[in-house]
Amino acid sequence: MPKMNINGHPTIYEDNDDPGYVYIVRKIDREESEMLFRYAKVHGAAHFETQTGKNYSLIHNDDGTYTIAKR
């Protein structure tokens, strides 16, 4: 399970959830990805759809990390 630092946020994702990671890191700008992280922190999760129509959630974990998971 890869753990990456995205914009200063420790983020975990499964190898098969790579499209969600790529979307947050490369397909949207930093400001938009920060909005996802802020929303997830306040609400527990932020749902998003990649450009190819795959549905993911960015989940804020109790330990302060985030998880990208397919919905």
C-alpha atoms as a PDB file:
ATOM      1  CA  MET A   1       0.000   0.000   0.000  1.00  0.00           C
ATOM      2  CA  PRO A   2       1.807   3.161  -1.174  1.00  0.00           C
ATOM      3  CA  LYS A   3       1.933   6.145   1.165  1.00  0.00           C
ATOM      4  CA  MET A   4       2.640   9.484  -0.496  1.00  0.00           C
ATOM      5  CA  ASN A   5       2.820  13.056   0.657  1.00  0.00           C
ATOM      6  CA  ILE A   6       0.381  15.117  -1.420  1.00  0.00           C
ATOM      7  CA  ASN A   7       0.629  18.866  -0.780  1.00  0.00           C
ATOM      8  CA  GLY A   8       1.861  18.104   2.734  1.00  0.00           C
ATOM      9  CA  HIS A   9      -0.896  15.568   3.458  1.00  0.00           C
ATOM     10  CA  PRO A  10       0.168  11.953   4.158  1.00  0.00           C
ATOM     11  CA  THR A  11      -2.008   9.896   1.817  1.00  0.00           C
ATOM     12  CA  ILE A  12      -2.435   6.138   1.480  1.00  0.00           C
ATOM     13  CA  TYR A  13      -3.903   4.289  -1.486  1.00  0.00           C
ATOM     14  CA  GLU A  14      -4.034   0.790  -2.898  1.00  0.00           C
ATOM     15  CA  ASP A  15      -2.191   0.096  -6.146  1.00  0.00           C
ATOM     16  CA  ASN A  16      -5.523  -0.460  -7.900  1.00  0.00           C
ATOM     17  CA  ASP A  17      -6.647   3.025  -6.771  1.00  0.00           C
ATOM     18  CA  ASP A  18      -3.850   4.696  -8.750  1.00  0.00           C
ATOM     19  CA  PRO A  19      -6.290   6.598 -11.042  1.00  0.00           C
ATOM     20  CA  GLY A  20      -7.637   8.463  -7.997  1.00  0.00           C
ATOM     21  CA  TYR A  21      -4.112   9.375  -6.925  1.00  0.00           C
ATOM     22  CA  VAL A  22      -3.159  10.499 -10.450  1.00  0.00           C
ATOM     23  CA  TYR A  23      -6.298  12.640 -10.662  1.00  0.00           C
ATOM     24  CA  ILE A  24      -5.506  14.495  -7.415  1.00  0.00           C
ATOM     25  CA  VAL A  25      -1.804  14.932  -8.193  1.00  0.00           C
ATOM     26  CA  ARG A  26      -1.723  15.565 -11.952  1.00  0.00           C
ATOM     27  CA  LYS A  27      -5.178  16.257 -13.391  1.00  0.00           C
ATOM     28  CA  ILE A  28      -6.438  19.033 -11.126  1.00  0.00           C
ATOM     29  CA  ASP A  29      -4.578  22.081  -9.873  1.00  0.00           C
ATOM     30  CA  ARG A  30      -3.172  22.367  -6.374  1.00  0.00           C
ATOM     31  CA  GLU A  31      -5.938  24.701  -5.174  1.00  0.00           C
ATOM     32  CA  GLU A  32      -8.658  22.242  -6.181  1.00  0.00           C
ATOM     33  CA  SER A  33      -6.850  19.325  -4.545  1.00  0.00           C
ATOM     34  CA  GLU A  34      -6.488  21.394  -1.357  1.00  0.00           C
ATOM     35  CA  MET A  35     -10.255  21.927  -1.401  1.00  0.00           C
ATOM     36  CA  LEU A  36     -10.717  18.134  -1.462  1.00  0.00           C
ATOM     37  CA  PHE A  37      -8.384  17.696   1.522  1.00  0.00           C
ATOM     38  CA  ARG A  38     -10.068  20.477   3.511  1.00  0.00           C
ATOM     39  CA  TYR A  39     -13.536  19.079   2.782  1.00  0.00           C
ATOM     40  CA  ALA A  40     -12.451  15.561   3.770  1.00  0.00           C
ATOM     41  CA  LYS A  41     -10.968  16.847   7.024  1.00  0.00           C
ATOM     42  CA  VAL A  42     -14.169  18.640   8.011  1.00  0.00           C
ATOM     43  CA  HIS A  43     -16.715  16.100   6.725  1.00  0.00           C
ATOM     44  CA  GLY A  44     -14.786  12.835   7.003  1.00  0.00           C
ATOM     45  CA  ALA A  45     -14.671  12.238   3.241  1.00  0.00           C
ATOM     46  CA  ALA A  46     -14.683  14.060  -0.071  1.00  0.00           C
ATOM     47  CA  HIS A  47     -16.124  12.248  -3.084  1.00  0.00           C
ATOM     48  CA  PHE A  48     -14.812  12.928  -6.560  1.00  0.00           C
ATOM     49  CA  GLU A  49     -14.935  11.555 -10.083  1.00  0.00           C
ATOM     50  CA  THR A  50     -11.893  11.221 -12.326  1.00  0.00           C
ATOM     51  CA  GLN A  51     -11.872  12.453 -15.906  1.00  0.00           C
ATOM     52  CA  THR A  52     -12.486   8.864 -17.025  1.00  0.00           C
ATOM     53  CA  GLY A  53     -15.640   8.613 -14.889  1.00  0.00           C
ATOM     54  CA  LYS A  54     -14.247   6.515 -12.011  1.00  0.00           C
ATOM     55  CA  ASN A  55     -15.650   7.354  -8.574  1.00  0.00           C
ATOM     56  CA  TYR A  56     -13.359   7.777  -5.569  1.00  0.00           C
ATOM     57  CA  SER A  57     -13.395   9.078  -2.020  1.00  0.00           C
ATOM     58  CA  LEU A  58     -10.671  10.918  -0.179  1.00  0.00           C
ATOM     59  CA  ILE A  59     -11.145   9.821   3.432  1.00  0.00           C
ATOM     60  CA  HIS A  60      -9.708  11.631   6.457  1.00  0.00           C
ATOM     61  CA  ASN A  61      -8.484   9.074   8.999  1.00  0.00           C
ATOM     62  CA  ASP A  62      -8.373   9.533  12.790  1.00  0.00           C
ATOM     63  CA  ASP A  63      -4.557   9.495  12.755  1.00  0.00           C
ATOM     64  CA  GLY A  64      -4.425  12.518  10.430  1.00  0.00           C
ATOM     65  CA  THR A  65      -3.658  10.565   7.267  1.00  0.00           C
ATOM     66  CA  TYR A  66      -5.881  10.378   4.214  1.00  0.00           C
ATOM     67  CA  THR A  67      -6.935   7.367   2.145  1.00  0.00           C
ATOM     68  CA  ILE A  68      -7.928   7.348  -1.521  1.00  0.00           C
ATOM     69  CA  ALA A  69     -10.514   4.614  -2.044  1.00  0.00           C
ATOM     70  CA  LYS A  70     -12.684   3.544  -4.942  1.00  0.00           C
ATOM     71  CA  ARG A  71     -16.435   3.933  -4.361  1.00  0.00           C
END
